[in-house]
Amino acid sequence: MEGYVTPFLVKKIMSPKEKNNSQDTTSAEAISFGFDRSTDERSLALFLSCFADQKLLDTLLPRLEDNEILQVVDFITGLMHKHLNEKEYHRLFLSE
């Protein structure tokens, strides 16, 4: 499977071997998809962490259309509904 790297996020494309040897797991340069499941999971976690940055949200959210806000909420809620049971949802998402 050929890896996919979002050019928006990455300055340098690293091979899977370079990625495994890289100590940098906090910058957007560490984000790439399609190499293997483990890399995809780490990349998604970092991508979501970058997305949740308050400065980014302060800039992006006022620019979203109402329907885009609802689409994001519906998509994330749907993923949680599909992959978490009720107890996990309350414990992990709602911190109850």
Protein backbone atom coordinates (compact mmCIF):
# COMPACT_ATOMS: atom_id res chain seq x y z
CA MET A 1 0.00 0.00 0.00
CA GLU A 2 1.41 3.37 -0.97
CA GLY A 3 1.39 5.96 1.80
CA TYR A 4 -0.53 9.20 1.59
CA VAL A 5 0.71 12.40 3.13
CA THR A 6 -1.38 15.53 3.25
CA PRO A 7 0.80 18.29 1.77
CA PHE A 8 -0.94 20.80 4.00
CA LEU A 9 0.51 19.03 7.00
CA VAL A 10 3.91 17.78 6.00
CA LYS A 11 7.09 19.50 4.89
CA LYS A 12 9.13 16.35 4.34
CA ILE A 13 7.82 12.94 3.36
CA MET A 14 9.46 10.21 5.40
CA SER A 15 9.62 6.59 4.40
CA PRO A 16 8.15 4.06 6.87
CA LYS A 17 11.71 3.19 7.96
CA GLU A 18 12.54 6.86 8.60
CA LYS A 19 9.25 7.27 10.48
CA ASN A 20 10.04 4.30 12.73
CA ASN A 21 13.45 5.80 13.54
CA SER A 22 12.12 9.31 14.04
CA GLN A 23 11.83 10.69 17.56
CA ASP A 24 9.57 13.55 16.46
CA THR A 25 6.04 12.49 17.32
CA THR A 26 4.59 15.89 18.12
CA SER A 27 4.90 17.90 14.90
CA ALA A 28 2.69 17.85 11.86
CA GLU A 29 5.65 16.40 9.98
CA ALA A 30 4.94 13.09 11.73
CA ILE A 31 1.49 12.81 10.12
CA SER A 32 1.12 10.41 7.21
CA PHE A 33 -1.49 7.88 6.22
CA GLY A 34 -1.54 4.63 4.27
CA PHE A 35 1.78 3.08 5.28
CA ASP A 36 0.38 0.73 7.93
CA ARG A 37 -2.33 0.62 10.59
CA SER A 38 -0.01 1.61 13.44
CA THR A 39 1.24 4.69 11.57
CA ASP A 40 -2.33 5.59 10.60
CA GLU A 41 -3.47 5.42 14.23
CA ARG A 42 -0.56 7.54 15.49
CA SER A 43 -1.07 10.00 12.64
CA LEU A 44 -4.80 10.29 13.30
CA ALA A 45 -4.20 10.90 17.01
CA LEU A 46 -1.70 13.64 16.20
CA PHE A 47 -3.95 15.09 13.48
CA LEU A 48 -6.88 15.32 15.91
CA SER A 49 -4.63 16.82 18.57
CA CYS A 50 -3.47 19.49 16.11
CA PHE A 51 -7.07 20.09 15.04
CA ALA A 52 -8.14 20.62 18.66
CA ASP A 53 -5.56 23.39 19.19
CA GLN A 54 -7.41 26.36 20.65
CA LYS A 55 -5.75 28.92 18.33
CA LEU A 56 -6.82 26.90 15.29
CA LEU A 57 -10.36 26.49 16.61
CA ASP A 58 -10.63 30.19 17.42
CA THR A 59 -9.76 30.94 13.80
CA LEU A 60 -11.65 28.13 12.06
CA LEU A 61 -14.94 27.87 13.95
CA PRO A 62 -16.29 31.35 13.17
CA ARG A 63 -15.67 30.62 9.47
CA LEU A 64 -17.66 27.39 9.39
CA GLU A 65 -21.15 27.42 7.98
CA ASP A 66 -23.94 26.18 10.25
CA ASN A 67 -24.35 22.98 8.24
CA GLU A 68 -20.58 22.30 8.44
CA ILE A 69 -20.70 22.48 12.23
CA LEU A 70 -23.57 19.99 12.26
CA GLN A 71 -21.75 17.69 9.80
CA VAL A 72 -18.67 17.55 12.05
CA VAL A 73 -20.75 16.88 15.15
CA ASP A 74 -22.84 14.23 13.38
CA PHE A 75 -19.74 12.48 12.00
CA ILE A 76 -17.88 12.35 15.32
CA THR A 77 -21.01 11.37 17.24
CA GLY A 78 -21.68 8.61 14.70
CA LEU A 79 -18.16 7.21 15.14
CA MET A 80 -18.54 7.16 18.92
CA HIS A 81 -21.97 5.57 18.68
CA LYS A 82 -20.60 2.87 16.36
CA HIS A 83 -17.42 2.06 18.28
CA LEU A 84 -18.13 2.80 21.96
CA ASN A 85 -20.65 1.17 24.23
CA GLU A 86 -22.71 3.38 26.52
CA LYS A 87 -20.43 2.94 29.53
CA GLU A 88 -17.32 3.76 27.48
CA TYR A 89 -19.03 6.83 26.03
CA HIS A 90 -19.93 8.14 29.47
CA ARG A 91 -16.55 7.32 31.01
CA LEU A 92 -14.28 8.37 28.13
CA PHE A 93 -16.13 11.18 26.39
CA LEU A 94 -18.29 12.65 29.14
CA SER A 95 -15.74 11.88 31.88
CA GLU A 96 -18.45 10.61 34.19
